[in-house]
């Protein structure tokens, strides 16, 4: 197991977000317009034109509540965006086209800083994403949880063997993996840790063989 995941420069996990900001720019070809500018702010709502690929749904007051999207243009809806007007609340995605949702993205309300462009070279997803859940076996059951702060990945928890218990924990610093903990004994807590340097290279291996919570370095 360690031989498989012992890498020197781990790639930061990215989510290809399908909904962003007020204009839902990631929907290629989608047209977003606002109500007339002379309308009072409280009455202006995001409006999205319906296309063969993108279908918006509004409530009785004309507020955008849902977007259905066909990402690969095969005639089947595979992405659902749940909206509060211009705000993205949740996105659900069927990534392999079997009709079952495999990814859930949860968004917070946008802050003023979210509208500013990111610094060049930043490794981030949409700033409003707080958590992404994935069914890595494409069975509709969540087995991986990714957590973000201001669009930057901070930690991941995963059930790698499908027994319903988390057995892998990843901690990130500035978007780079800093600590990888593993439960190789199926006791529910880590017994192995891989500690990484700031440049992503492996620093040391640690073990807690008796479950005391105290890790000691292993000879390398």
N, C-alpha and C. Protein backbone atom coordinates (compact mmCIF):
# COMPACT_ATOMS: atom_id res chain seq x y z
N UNK A 1 0.83 -1.21 0.00
CA UNK A 1 0.00 0.00 0.00
C UNK A 1 0.86 1.26 0.00
N UNK A 2 1.90 1.29 0.84
CA UNK A 2 2.76 2.46 0.91
C UNK A 2 3.49 2.67 -0.41
N UNK A 3 3.85 1.58 -1.06
CA UNK A 3 4.59 1.72 -2.31
C UNK A 3 3.75 2.41 -3.38
N UNK A 4 2.45 2.25 -3.29
CA UNK A 4 1.57 2.84 -4.30
C UNK A 4 1.41 4.33 -4.08
N UNK A 5 1.30 4.76 -2.84
CA UNK A 5 0.98 6.16 -2.57
C UNK A 5 2.17 6.97 -2.11
N UNK A 6 3.36 6.37 -2.06
CA UNK A 6 4.54 7.10 -1.63
C UNK A 6 5.12 7.83 -2.84
N UNK A 7 4.63 9.07 -3.06
CA UNK A 7 5.10 9.84 -4.18
C UNK A 7 5.83 11.07 -3.66
N UNK A 8 6.74 11.63 -4.47
CA UNK A 8 7.56 12.73 -4.01
C UNK A 8 6.89 14.09 -4.17
N UNK A 9 6.25 14.29 -5.30
CA UNK A 9 5.58 15.57 -5.50
C UNK A 9 4.14 15.31 -5.86
N UNK A 10 3.28 15.15 -4.87
CA UNK A 10 1.88 14.83 -5.12
C UNK A 10 1.17 15.97 -5.83
N UNK A 11 0.35 15.62 -6.77
CA UNK A 11 -0.44 16.64 -7.46
C UNK A 11 -1.59 17.07 -6.58
N UNK A 12 -1.85 18.35 -6.55
CA UNK A 12 -2.98 18.86 -5.79
C UNK A 12 -4.27 18.45 -6.48
N UNK A 13 -5.19 17.89 -5.70
CA UNK A 13 -6.45 17.43 -6.26
C UNK A 13 -7.28 18.64 -6.68
N UNK A 14 -7.72 18.63 -7.93
CA UNK A 14 -8.55 19.73 -8.43
C UNK A 14 -9.95 19.22 -8.77
N UNK A 15 -10.93 20.07 -8.56
CA UNK A 15 -12.29 19.77 -9.00
C UNK A 15 -12.61 20.66 -10.18
N UNK A 16 -13.03 20.08 -11.28
CA UNK A 16 -13.41 20.88 -12.43
C UNK A 16 -14.83 21.38 -12.18
N UNK A 17 -14.91 22.54 -11.59
CA UNK A 17 -16.21 23.09 -11.21
C UNK A 17 -17.00 23.49 -12.45
N UNK A 18 -18.28 23.23 -12.40
CA UNK A 18 -19.13 23.51 -13.55
C UNK A 18 -20.00 24.72 -13.33
N UNK A 19 -20.03 25.26 -12.13
CA UNK A 19 -20.81 26.45 -11.85
C UNK A 19 -19.91 27.46 -11.15
N UNK A 20 -19.89 28.69 -11.62
CA UNK A 20 -19.11 29.72 -10.96
C UNK A 20 -19.83 31.04 -11.03
N UNK A 21 -19.78 31.80 -9.92
CA UNK A 21 -20.17 33.19 -9.89
C UNK A 21 -21.53 33.53 -10.47
N UNK A 22 -21.72 34.80 -10.73
CA UNK A 22 -23.03 35.29 -11.15
C UNK A 22 -23.37 34.93 -12.58
N UNK A 23 -22.39 34.73 -13.43
CA UNK A 23 -22.67 34.46 -14.84
C UNK A 23 -22.47 33.00 -15.22
N UNK A 24 -22.17 32.11 -14.26
CA UNK A 24 -22.06 30.69 -14.55
C UNK A 24 -21.17 30.46 -15.76
N UNK A 25 -19.97 31.07 -15.70
CA UNK A 25 -19.12 31.14 -16.88
C UNK A 25 -18.65 29.78 -17.37
N UNK A 26 -18.60 28.80 -16.48
CA UNK A 26 -18.09 27.50 -16.90
C UNK A 26 -19.04 26.75 -17.81
N UNK A 27 -20.28 27.19 -17.89
CA UNK A 27 -21.20 26.59 -18.85
C UNK A 27 -20.88 27.19 -20.21
N UNK A 28 -20.16 26.47 -21.03
CA UNK A 28 -19.75 26.98 -22.33
C UNK A 28 -20.98 27.28 -23.18
N UNK A 29 -21.04 28.51 -23.68
CA UNK A 29 -22.13 28.90 -24.55
C UNK A 29 -23.37 29.38 -23.83
N UNK A 30 -23.40 29.29 -22.50
CA UNK A 30 -24.57 29.75 -21.76
C UNK A 30 -24.59 31.27 -21.72
N UNK A 31 -25.75 31.84 -21.89
CA UNK A 31 -25.89 33.30 -21.88
C UNK A 31 -26.63 33.73 -20.63
N UNK A 32 -26.00 34.63 -19.87
CA UNK A 32 -26.61 35.11 -18.64
C UNK A 32 -26.89 36.59 -18.78
N UNK A 33 -28.09 37.00 -18.41
CA UNK A 33 -28.44 38.41 -18.47
C UNK A 33 -29.14 38.80 -17.19
N UNK A 34 -29.13 40.08 -16.88
CA UNK A 34 -29.83 40.60 -15.71
C UNK A 34 -31.11 41.28 -16.15
N UNK A 35 -32.03 41.44 -15.21
CA UNK A 35 -33.21 42.24 -15.48
C UNK A 35 -32.79 43.67 -15.80
N UNK A 36 -33.65 44.46 -16.40
CA UNK A 36 -33.28 45.82 -16.80
C UNK A 36 -32.61 46.59 -15.66
N UNK A 37 -31.62 47.42 -16.06
CA UNK A 37 -30.85 48.15 -15.05
C UNK A 37 -31.69 49.14 -14.26
N UNK A 38 -32.82 49.59 -14.85
CA UNK A 38 -33.63 50.56 -14.13
C UNK A 38 -34.52 49.91 -13.07
N UNK A 39 -34.50 48.57 -12.98
CA UNK A 39 -35.25 47.89 -11.93
C UNK A 39 -34.52 48.04 -10.62
N UNK A 40 -35.24 48.15 -9.50
CA UNK A 40 -34.56 48.25 -8.21
C UNK A 40 -33.73 47.01 -7.94
N UNK A 41 -32.60 47.14 -7.18
CA UNK A 41 -31.70 46.00 -6.96
C UNK A 41 -32.39 44.77 -6.41
N UNK A 42 -33.37 44.99 -5.50
CA UNK A 42 -34.01 43.83 -4.90
C UNK A 42 -34.87 43.06 -5.88
N UNK A 43 -35.12 43.62 -7.05
CA UNK A 43 -35.96 42.94 -8.03
C UNK A 43 -35.17 42.43 -9.22
N UNK A 44 -33.87 42.67 -9.22
CA UNK A 44 -33.04 42.17 -10.31
C UNK A 44 -32.66 40.72 -10.02
N UNK A 45 -32.90 39.86 -10.96
CA UNK A 45 -32.59 38.45 -10.80
C UNK A 45 -31.78 37.95 -11.99
N UNK A 46 -30.95 36.98 -11.72
CA UNK A 46 -30.18 36.37 -12.80
C UNK A 46 -31.11 35.61 -13.72
N UNK A 47 -30.95 35.82 -15.01
CA UNK A 47 -31.73 35.10 -16.00
C UNK A 47 -30.77 34.35 -16.92
N UNK A 48 -31.06 33.11 -17.20
CA UNK A 48 -30.23 32.29 -18.06
C UNK A 48 -31.07 31.81 -19.23
N UNK A 49 -30.54 31.96 -20.43
CA UNK A 49 -31.27 31.52 -21.61
C UNK A 49 -31.24 30.00 -21.70
N UNK A 50 -32.38 29.43 -22.02
CA UNK A 50 -32.47 27.99 -22.19
C UNK A 50 -31.91 27.59 -23.55
N UNK A 51 -31.10 26.52 -23.56
CA UNK A 51 -30.55 25.99 -24.80
C UNK A 51 -30.76 24.48 -24.81
N UNK A 52 -30.36 23.82 -25.88
CA UNK A 52 -30.46 22.37 -25.94
C UNK A 52 -29.61 21.72 -24.85
N UNK A 53 -28.53 22.41 -24.46
CA UNK A 53 -27.58 21.85 -23.51
C UNK A 53 -27.84 22.31 -22.08
N UNK A 54 -28.47 23.45 -21.91
CA UNK A 54 -28.65 24.06 -20.60
C UNK A 54 -30.10 24.42 -20.36
N UNK A 55 -30.67 23.93 -19.26
CA UNK A 55 -32.08 24.17 -18.95
C UNK A 55 -32.21 24.81 -17.56
N UNK A 56 -32.61 26.09 -17.51
CA UNK A 56 -32.82 26.73 -16.20
C UNK A 56 -34.23 26.49 -15.70
N UNK A 57 -34.40 26.52 -14.39
CA UNK A 57 -35.71 26.43 -13.76
C UNK A 57 -35.85 27.56 -12.75
N UNK A 58 -37.03 28.22 -12.74
CA UNK A 58 -37.27 29.36 -11.88
C UNK A 58 -38.45 29.07 -10.95
N UNK A 59 -38.47 29.75 -9.80
CA UNK A 59 -39.63 29.60 -8.92
C UNK A 59 -40.72 30.57 -9.33
N UNK A 60 -41.80 30.62 -8.56
CA UNK A 60 -42.94 31.45 -8.91
C UNK A 60 -42.64 32.92 -8.93
N UNK A 61 -41.55 33.34 -8.29
CA UNK A 61 -41.17 34.74 -8.26
C UNK A 61 -40.11 35.08 -9.32
N UNK A 62 -39.80 34.11 -10.15
CA UNK A 62 -38.83 34.36 -11.20
C UNK A 62 -37.38 34.22 -10.78
N UNK A 63 -37.15 33.66 -9.61
CA UNK A 63 -35.77 33.47 -9.15
C UNK A 63 -35.23 32.15 -9.65
N UNK A 64 -33.99 32.18 -10.13
CA UNK A 64 -33.35 30.97 -10.62
C UNK A 64 -33.12 30.00 -9.46
N UNK A 65 -33.63 28.76 -9.62
CA UNK A 65 -33.50 27.76 -8.56
C UNK A 65 -32.71 26.53 -8.98
N UNK A 66 -32.65 26.26 -10.28
CA UNK A 66 -31.98 25.03 -10.69
C UNK A 66 -31.49 25.17 -12.13
N UNK A 67 -30.34 24.57 -12.40
CA UNK A 67 -29.82 24.47 -13.76
C UNK A 67 -29.53 23.02 -14.07
N UNK A 68 -30.00 22.56 -15.20
CA UNK A 68 -29.71 21.22 -15.66
C UNK A 68 -28.83 21.35 -16.90
N UNK A 69 -27.75 20.55 -16.94
CA UNK A 69 -26.76 20.75 -17.98
C UNK A 69 -26.30 19.40 -18.54
N UNK A 70 -26.12 19.36 -19.84
CA UNK A 70 -25.60 18.18 -20.54
C UNK A 70 -24.16 18.51 -20.94
N UNK A 71 -23.20 18.07 -20.13
CA UNK A 71 -21.80 18.44 -20.35
C UNK A 71 -21.23 17.92 -21.66
N UNK A 72 -21.51 16.66 -21.98
CA UNK A 72 -20.87 16.05 -23.15
C UNK A 72 -21.77 16.02 -24.39
N UNK A 73 -22.88 16.70 -24.32
CA UNK A 73 -23.77 16.85 -25.47
C UNK A 73 -24.26 15.52 -26.02
N UNK A 74 -24.55 14.57 -25.12
CA UNK A 74 -25.07 13.27 -25.58
C UNK A 74 -26.58 13.19 -25.45
N UNK A 75 -27.20 14.31 -25.10
CA UNK A 75 -28.65 14.34 -24.96
C UNK A 75 -29.15 13.95 -23.59
N UNK A 76 -28.23 13.70 -22.65
CA UNK A 76 -28.62 13.30 -21.30
C UNK A 76 -28.10 14.31 -20.28
N UNK A 77 -28.97 14.76 -19.41
CA UNK A 77 -28.55 15.67 -18.33
C UNK A 77 -27.62 14.93 -17.39
N UNK A 78 -26.44 15.52 -17.10
CA UNK A 78 -25.50 14.88 -16.20
C UNK A 78 -25.00 15.81 -15.09
N UNK A 79 -25.50 17.05 -15.09
CA UNK A 79 -25.08 18.02 -14.08
C UNK A 79 -26.28 18.83 -13.63
N UNK A 80 -26.41 18.98 -12.31
CA UNK A 80 -27.53 19.72 -11.74
C UNK A 80 -26.98 20.78 -10.79
N UNK A 81 -27.30 22.03 -11.06
CA UNK A 81 -26.88 23.12 -10.19
C UNK A 81 -28.07 23.65 -9.43
N UNK A 82 -27.99 23.68 -8.12
CA UNK A 82 -29.08 24.18 -7.26
C UNK A 82 -28.72 25.60 -6.84
N UNK A 83 -29.61 26.53 -7.18
CA UNK A 83 -29.29 27.95 -7.11
C UNK A 83 -30.21 28.70 -6.16
N UNK A 84 -29.70 29.81 -5.68
CA UNK A 84 -30.51 30.82 -5.01
C UNK A 84 -30.30 32.10 -5.79
N UNK A 85 -30.99 32.21 -6.91
CA UNK A 85 -30.73 33.31 -7.83
C UNK A 85 -29.36 33.13 -8.46
N UNK A 86 -28.49 34.13 -8.27
CA UNK A 86 -27.15 34.07 -8.83
C UNK A 86 -26.20 33.24 -7.99
N UNK A 87 -26.63 32.87 -6.80
CA UNK A 87 -25.74 32.13 -5.90
C UNK A 87 -25.82 30.63 -6.13
N UNK A 88 -24.67 30.00 -6.29
CA UNK A 88 -24.60 28.55 -6.38
C UNK A 88 -24.64 27.97 -4.97
N UNK A 89 -25.58 27.08 -4.69
CA UNK A 89 -25.66 26.43 -3.39
C UNK A 89 -25.04 25.04 -3.42
N UNK A 90 -25.35 24.30 -4.46
CA UNK A 90 -24.87 22.92 -4.55
C UNK A 90 -24.83 22.49 -6.01
N UNK A 91 -23.85 21.67 -6.34
CA UNK A 91 -23.76 21.10 -7.69
C UNK A 91 -23.66 19.59 -7.56
N UNK A 92 -24.42 18.88 -8.37
CA UNK A 92 -24.35 17.43 -8.41
C UNK A 92 -23.97 17.01 -9.83
N UNK A 93 -23.07 16.04 -9.94
CA UNK A 93 -22.54 15.64 -11.24
C UNK A 93 -22.54 14.12 -11.37
N UNK A 94 -23.02 13.65 -12.51
CA UNK A 94 -22.88 12.24 -12.90
C UNK A 94 -21.68 12.19 -13.83
N UNK A 95 -20.54 11.78 -13.31
CA UNK A 95 -19.29 11.88 -14.07
C UNK A 95 -19.12 10.79 -15.12
N UNK A 96 -19.73 9.63 -14.92
CA UNK A 96 -19.50 8.55 -15.89
C UNK A 96 -20.73 8.23 -16.73
N UNK A 97 -21.77 9.02 -16.60
CA UNK A 97 -22.91 8.88 -17.49
C UNK A 97 -23.81 7.69 -17.23
N UNK A 98 -23.78 7.15 -16.02
CA UNK A 98 -24.63 5.99 -15.73
C UNK A 98 -25.94 6.36 -15.07
N UNK A 99 -26.21 7.66 -14.94
CA UNK A 99 -27.46 8.12 -14.36
C UNK A 99 -27.43 8.27 -12.85
N UNK A 100 -26.27 8.01 -12.23
CA UNK A 100 -26.13 8.11 -10.78
C UNK A 100 -25.15 9.23 -10.45
N UNK A 101 -25.52 10.11 -9.51
CA UNK A 101 -24.64 11.22 -9.13
C UNK A 101 -23.39 10.67 -8.46
N UNK A 102 -22.23 11.18 -8.87
CA UNK A 102 -20.94 10.72 -8.35
C UNK A 102 -20.19 11.81 -7.59
N UNK A 103 -20.58 13.07 -7.77
CA UNK A 103 -19.88 14.17 -7.12
C UNK A 103 -20.88 15.22 -6.65
N UNK A 104 -20.66 15.68 -5.44
CA UNK A 104 -21.49 16.73 -4.84
C UNK A 104 -20.59 17.87 -4.42
N UNK A 105 -20.90 19.08 -4.83
CA UNK A 105 -20.10 20.25 -4.48
C UNK A 105 -20.97 21.21 -3.68
N UNK A 106 -20.49 21.62 -2.52
CA UNK A 106 -21.24 22.50 -1.63
C UNK A 106 -20.56 23.86 -1.55
N UNK A 107 -21.35 24.90 -1.76
CA UNK A 107 -20.83 26.26 -1.84
C UNK A 107 -21.35 27.12 -0.69
N UNK A 108 -20.53 28.03 -0.23
CA UNK A 108 -20.96 29.04 0.74
C UNK A 108 -21.39 30.29 -0.02
N UNK A 109 -22.00 31.22 0.71
CA UNK A 109 -22.35 32.49 0.11
C UNK A 109 -21.07 33.24 -0.25
N UNK A 110 -21.05 33.90 -1.38
CA UNK A 110 -19.85 34.60 -1.83
C UNK A 110 -19.58 35.83 -0.97
N UNK A 111 -18.30 36.10 -0.75
CA UNK A 111 -17.86 37.30 -0.05
C UNK A 111 -17.36 38.30 -1.09
N UNK A 112 -17.14 39.54 -0.65
CA UNK A 112 -16.68 40.57 -1.58
C UNK A 112 -15.35 40.19 -2.22
N UNK A 113 -14.49 39.51 -1.48
CA UNK A 113 -13.17 39.13 -2.00
C UNK A 113 -13.26 38.08 -3.09
N UNK A 114 -14.39 37.38 -3.17
CA UNK A 114 -14.52 36.31 -4.16
C UNK A 114 -14.59 36.85 -5.58
N UNK A 115 -14.93 38.13 -5.72
CA UNK A 115 -15.05 38.71 -7.06
C UNK A 115 -13.70 39.16 -7.60
N UNK A 116 -12.69 39.25 -6.74
CA UNK A 116 -11.37 39.69 -7.19
C UNK A 116 -10.68 38.55 -7.94
N UNK A 117 -9.92 38.88 -8.99
CA UNK A 117 -9.22 37.82 -9.73
C UNK A 117 -8.16 37.18 -8.86
N UNK A 118 -7.93 35.87 -9.01
CA UNK A 118 -6.90 35.20 -8.22
C UNK A 118 -5.51 35.65 -8.63
N UNK A 119 -4.56 35.51 -7.72
CA UNK A 119 -3.18 35.84 -8.04
C UNK A 119 -2.66 34.85 -9.08
N UNK A 120 -1.78 35.30 -9.97
CA UNK A 120 -1.21 34.38 -10.98
C UNK A 120 -0.53 33.19 -10.31
N UNK A 121 -0.76 32.02 -10.85
CA UNK A 121 -0.12 30.82 -10.32
C UNK A 121 -0.84 30.19 -9.15
N UNK A 122 -1.93 30.80 -8.68
CA UNK A 122 -2.66 30.19 -7.56
C UNK A 122 -3.30 28.89 -8.00
N UNK A 123 -3.27 27.91 -7.11
CA UNK A 123 -3.87 26.61 -7.39
C UNK A 123 -5.14 26.51 -6.57
N UNK A 124 -6.26 26.92 -7.13
CA UNK A 124 -7.50 26.97 -6.39
C UNK A 124 -8.67 26.60 -7.30
N UNK A 125 -9.76 26.22 -6.67
CA UNK A 125 -10.99 26.05 -7.41
C UNK A 125 -11.86 27.27 -7.10
N UNK A 126 -13.12 27.23 -7.43
CA UNK A 126 -14.00 28.35 -7.14
C UNK A 126 -13.91 28.72 -5.66
N UNK A 127 -13.77 30.00 -5.36
CA UNK A 127 -13.56 30.45 -3.99
C UNK A 127 -14.70 30.08 -3.06
N UNK A 128 -15.91 29.91 -3.58
CA UNK A 128 -17.05 29.64 -2.72
C UNK A 128 -17.21 28.18 -2.34
N UNK A 129 -16.43 27.29 -2.95
CA UNK A 129 -16.55 25.87 -2.63
C UNK A 129 -16.02 25.61 -1.22
N UNK A 130 -16.83 24.92 -0.41
CA UNK A 130 -16.40 24.54 0.93
C UNK A 130 -16.07 23.05 1.02
N UNK A 131 -16.83 22.24 0.30
CA UNK A 131 -16.63 20.79 0.41
C UNK A 131 -17.05 20.11 -0.89
N UNK A 132 -16.29 19.11 -1.27
CA UNK A 132 -16.64 18.27 -2.41
C UNK A 132 -16.67 16.83 -1.92
N UNK A 133 -17.76 16.14 -2.21
CA UNK A 133 -17.88 14.73 -1.86
C UNK A 133 -17.92 13.91 -3.14
N UNK A 134 -17.26 12.75 -3.11
CA UNK A 134 -17.16 11.93 -4.31
C UNK A 134 -17.50 10.47 -4.00
N UNK A 135 -18.17 9.84 -4.94
CA UNK A 135 -18.37 8.40 -4.90
C UNK A 135 -17.33 7.80 -5.84
N UNK A 136 -16.18 7.45 -5.29
CA UNK A 136 -15.05 7.05 -6.12
C UNK A 136 -15.28 5.72 -6.83
N UNK A 137 -16.24 4.93 -6.36
CA UNK A 137 -16.55 3.65 -7.00
C UNK A 137 -17.76 3.76 -7.93
N UNK A 138 -18.25 4.97 -8.11
CA UNK A 138 -19.40 5.22 -8.99
C UNK A 138 -20.61 4.39 -8.60
N UNK A 139 -20.82 4.27 -7.28
CA UNK A 139 -21.96 3.52 -6.77
C UNK A 139 -22.97 4.40 -6.05
N UNK A 140 -22.78 5.72 -6.12
CA UNK A 140 -23.69 6.65 -5.45
C UNK A 140 -23.40 6.85 -3.98
N UNK A 141 -22.38 6.14 -3.44
CA UNK A 141 -22.04 6.24 -2.02
C UNK A 141 -20.76 7.05 -1.86
N UNK A 142 -20.82 8.08 -1.03
CA UNK A 142 -19.66 8.95 -0.83
C UNK A 142 -18.54 8.19 -0.13
N UNK A 143 -17.35 8.25 -0.71
CA UNK A 143 -16.18 7.60 -0.11
C UNK A 143 -14.98 8.54 -0.03
N UNK A 144 -15.15 9.77 -0.44
CA UNK A 144 -14.07 10.75 -0.40
C UNK A 144 -14.65 12.13 -0.13
N UNK A 145 -14.02 12.84 0.81
CA UNK A 145 -14.46 14.17 1.21
C UNK A 145 -13.29 15.13 1.06
N UNK A 146 -13.46 16.20 0.29
CA UNK A 146 -12.42 17.20 0.09
C UNK A 146 -12.89 18.52 0.69
N UNK A 147 -12.04 19.16 1.47
CA UNK A 147 -12.40 20.39 2.18
C UNK A 147 -11.53 21.54 1.70
N UNK A 148 -12.15 22.72 1.53
CA UNK A 148 -11.48 23.88 0.97
C UNK A 148 -11.66 25.10 1.86
N UNK A 149 -10.69 26.00 1.78
CA UNK A 149 -10.79 27.30 2.44
C UNK A 149 -10.41 28.36 1.42
N UNK A 150 -11.36 29.22 1.08
CA UNK A 150 -11.12 30.26 0.08
C UNK A 150 -10.63 29.66 -1.23
N UNK A 151 -11.18 28.51 -1.58
CA UNK A 151 -10.85 27.88 -2.85
C UNK A 151 -9.58 27.05 -2.85
N UNK A 152 -8.91 26.95 -1.71
CA UNK A 152 -7.66 26.18 -1.63
C UNK A 152 -7.91 24.90 -0.83
N UNK A 153 -7.45 23.79 -1.35
CA UNK A 153 -7.62 22.50 -0.70
C UNK A 153 -6.87 22.49 0.63
N UNK A 154 -7.56 22.06 1.71
CA UNK A 154 -6.93 22.01 3.03
C UNK A 154 -6.79 20.59 3.56
N UNK A 155 -7.76 19.71 3.29
CA UNK A 155 -7.65 18.34 3.77
C UNK A 155 -8.59 17.43 2.98
N UNK A 156 -8.27 16.14 3.03
CA UNK A 156 -9.08 15.11 2.37
C UNK A 156 -9.21 13.92 3.31
N UNK A 157 -10.41 13.35 3.34
CA UNK A 157 -10.64 12.10 4.04
C UNK A 157 -11.19 11.10 3.04
N UNK A 158 -10.76 9.84 3.15
CA UNK A 158 -11.20 8.86 2.15
C UNK A 158 -11.30 7.47 2.74
N UNK A 159 -12.32 6.76 2.29
CA UNK A 159 -12.49 5.34 2.57
C UNK A 159 -11.98 4.59 1.35
N UNK A 160 -10.76 4.08 1.41
CA UNK A 160 -10.14 3.50 0.22
C UNK A 160 -10.53 2.06 -0.04
N UNK A 161 -11.01 1.34 0.99
CA UNK A 161 -11.32 -0.08 0.80
C UNK A 161 -12.81 -0.38 0.80
N UNK A 162 -13.64 0.65 0.92
CA UNK A 162 -15.08 0.46 0.80
C UNK A 162 -15.77 -0.18 1.97
N UNK A 163 -15.14 -0.13 3.16
CA UNK A 163 -15.78 -0.74 4.34
C UNK A 163 -16.62 0.25 5.13
N UNK A 164 -16.76 1.48 4.61
CA UNK A 164 -17.58 2.48 5.27
C UNK A 164 -16.85 3.30 6.32
N UNK A 165 -15.53 3.09 6.46
CA UNK A 165 -14.74 3.81 7.46
C UNK A 165 -13.58 4.53 6.77
N UNK A 166 -13.35 5.77 7.19
CA UNK A 166 -12.22 6.52 6.66
C UNK A 166 -10.92 5.85 7.08
N UNK A 167 -10.02 5.64 6.11
CA UNK A 167 -8.74 5.02 6.43
C UNK A 167 -7.56 5.77 5.82
N UNK A 168 -7.85 6.94 5.28
CA UNK A 168 -6.79 7.76 4.70
C UNK A 168 -7.11 9.23 4.94
N UNK A 169 -6.13 9.96 5.47
CA UNK A 169 -6.29 11.36 5.79
C UNK A 169 -5.15 12.15 5.16
N UNK A 170 -5.49 13.20 4.43
CA UNK A 170 -4.47 14.05 3.81
C UNK A 170 -4.64 15.47 4.35
N UNK A 171 -3.53 16.09 4.71
CA UNK A 171 -3.52 17.47 5.17
C UNK A 171 -2.68 18.30 4.22
N UNK A 172 -3.19 19.46 3.82
CA UNK A 172 -2.51 20.31 2.86
C UNK A 172 -2.15 21.65 3.49
N UNK A 173 -1.02 22.19 3.07
CA UNK A 173 -0.58 23.51 3.49
C UNK A 173 -0.30 24.33 2.24
N UNK A 174 -1.05 25.42 2.08
CA UNK A 174 -0.93 26.24 0.88
C UNK A 174 -1.13 25.42 -0.40
N UNK A 175 -2.04 24.46 -0.32
CA UNK A 175 -2.38 23.66 -1.48
C UNK A 175 -1.45 22.51 -1.76
N UNK A 176 -0.42 22.31 -0.92
CA UNK A 176 0.54 21.22 -1.12
C UNK A 176 0.41 20.20 0.01
N UNK A 177 0.46 18.93 -0.33
CA UNK A 177 0.34 17.88 0.66
C UNK A 177 1.45 17.98 1.70
N UNK A 178 1.07 18.04 2.98
CA UNK A 178 2.06 18.12 4.06
C UNK A 178 2.07 16.88 4.93
N UNK A 179 0.92 16.19 5.02
CA UNK A 179 0.83 15.00 5.87
C UNK A 179 -0.16 14.02 5.28
N UNK A 180 0.25 12.76 5.18
CA UNK A 180 -0.62 11.68 4.72
C UNK A 180 -0.65 10.61 5.80
N UNK A 181 -1.83 10.39 6.38
CA UNK A 181 -1.98 9.40 7.45
C UNK A 181 -2.82 8.24 6.95
N UNK A 182 -2.45 7.01 7.39
CA UNK A 182 -3.10 5.80 6.90
C UNK A 182 -3.48 4.89 8.07
N UNK A 183 -4.62 4.25 7.91
CA UNK A 183 -5.03 3.19 8.83
C UNK A 183 -4.85 1.87 8.10
N UNK A 184 -3.73 1.22 8.33
CA UNK A 184 -3.45 -0.05 7.65
C UNK A 184 -3.92 -1.25 8.45
N UNK A 185 -4.37 -1.01 9.70
CA UNK A 185 -4.80 -2.11 10.57
C UNK A 185 -6.31 -2.16 10.78
N UNK A 186 -7.03 -1.26 10.10
CA UNK A 186 -8.50 -1.20 10.20
C UNK A 186 -8.98 -1.03 11.64
N UNK A 187 -8.31 -0.19 12.38
CA UNK A 187 -8.74 0.06 13.76
C UNK A 187 -9.46 1.40 13.89
N UNK A 188 -9.56 2.16 12.78
CA UNK A 188 -10.30 3.41 12.78
C UNK A 188 -9.45 4.64 13.04
N UNK A 189 -8.17 4.45 13.34
CA UNK A 189 -7.26 5.56 13.55
C UNK A 189 -5.97 5.30 12.78
N UNK A 190 -5.22 6.34 12.45
CA UNK A 190 -3.99 6.14 11.67
C UNK A 190 -2.93 5.37 12.45
N UNK A 191 -2.17 4.55 11.73
CA UNK A 191 -1.02 3.89 12.34
C UNK A 191 0.25 4.15 11.54
N UNK A 192 0.13 4.81 10.40
CA UNK A 192 1.27 5.21 9.58
C UNK A 192 1.08 6.65 9.13
N UNK A 193 2.18 7.38 9.07
CA UNK A 193 2.12 8.75 8.57
C UNK A 193 3.32 9.03 7.66
N UNK A 194 3.05 9.73 6.57
CA UNK A 194 4.09 10.22 5.68
C UNK A 194 4.11 11.73 5.82
N UNK A 195 5.24 12.28 6.22
CA UNK A 195 5.37 13.72 6.44
C UNK A 195 6.17 14.32 5.30
N UNK A 196 5.64 15.39 4.70
CA UNK A 196 6.26 15.99 3.53
C UNK A 196 6.83 17.37 3.85
N UNK A 197 7.87 17.73 3.13
CA UNK A 197 8.45 19.06 3.25
C UNK A 197 7.61 20.07 2.46
N UNK A 198 7.94 21.35 2.62
CA UNK A 198 7.18 22.40 1.95
C UNK A 198 7.26 22.31 0.44
N UNK A 199 8.34 21.72 -0.09
CA UNK A 199 8.48 21.58 -1.53
C UNK A 199 7.79 20.34 -2.08
N UNK A 200 7.12 19.57 -1.21
CA UNK A 200 6.39 18.39 -1.65
C UNK A 200 7.18 17.11 -1.58
N UNK A 201 8.45 17.17 -1.24
CA UNK A 201 9.26 15.95 -1.15
C UNK A 201 9.03 15.26 0.20
N UNK A 202 9.20 13.96 0.23
CA UNK A 202 8.98 13.18 1.45
C UNK A 202 10.08 13.47 2.47
N UNK A 203 9.67 13.78 3.69
CA UNK A 203 10.62 14.05 4.76
C UNK A 203 10.90 12.81 5.60
N UNK A 204 9.82 12.13 6.04
CA UNK A 204 10.01 10.96 6.90
C UNK A 204 8.74 10.13 6.97
N UNK A 205 8.90 8.91 7.42
CA UNK A 205 7.80 8.00 7.72
C UNK A 205 7.69 7.86 9.23
N UNK A 206 6.45 7.78 9.73
CA UNK A 206 6.22 7.63 11.16
C UNK A 206 5.21 6.52 11.39
N UNK A 207 5.26 5.91 12.59
CA UNK A 207 4.34 4.82 12.90
C UNK A 207 3.85 4.93 14.34
N UNK A 208 2.60 4.46 14.52
CA UNK A 208 2.00 4.32 15.85
C UNK A 208 1.45 2.90 15.92
N UNK A 209 2.29 1.91 16.20
CA UNK A 209 1.88 0.51 16.10
C UNK A 209 0.85 0.06 17.12
N UNK A 210 0.81 0.69 18.29
CA UNK A 210 -0.09 0.21 19.35
C UNK A 210 -1.31 1.09 19.57
N UNK A 211 -1.51 2.10 18.74
CA UNK A 211 -2.71 2.93 18.85
C UNK A 211 -2.69 3.92 19.98
N UNK A 212 -1.54 4.30 20.44
CA UNK A 212 -1.42 5.25 21.55
C UNK A 212 -1.62 6.69 21.12
N UNK A 213 -1.55 6.94 19.81
CA UNK A 213 -1.63 8.31 19.31
C UNK A 213 -0.28 8.99 19.20
N UNK A 214 0.78 8.29 19.63
CA UNK A 214 2.12 8.83 19.56
C UNK A 214 2.86 8.19 18.38
N UNK A 215 3.32 9.02 17.45
CA UNK A 215 4.03 8.53 16.28
C UNK A 215 5.53 8.71 16.45
N UNK A 216 6.27 7.72 16.03
CA UNK A 216 7.72 7.80 16.07
C UNK A 216 8.28 7.51 14.68
N UNK A 217 9.40 8.14 14.34
CA UNK A 217 9.98 7.94 13.01
C UNK A 217 10.41 6.51 12.77
N UNK A 218 10.25 6.04 11.53
CA UNK A 218 10.73 4.73 11.14
C UNK A 218 12.09 4.88 10.47
N UNK A 219 12.90 3.87 10.60
CA UNK A 219 14.20 3.88 9.91
C UNK A 219 13.97 3.81 8.42
N UNK A 220 14.69 4.63 7.70
CA UNK A 220 14.52 4.66 6.25
C UNK A 220 15.77 4.14 5.56
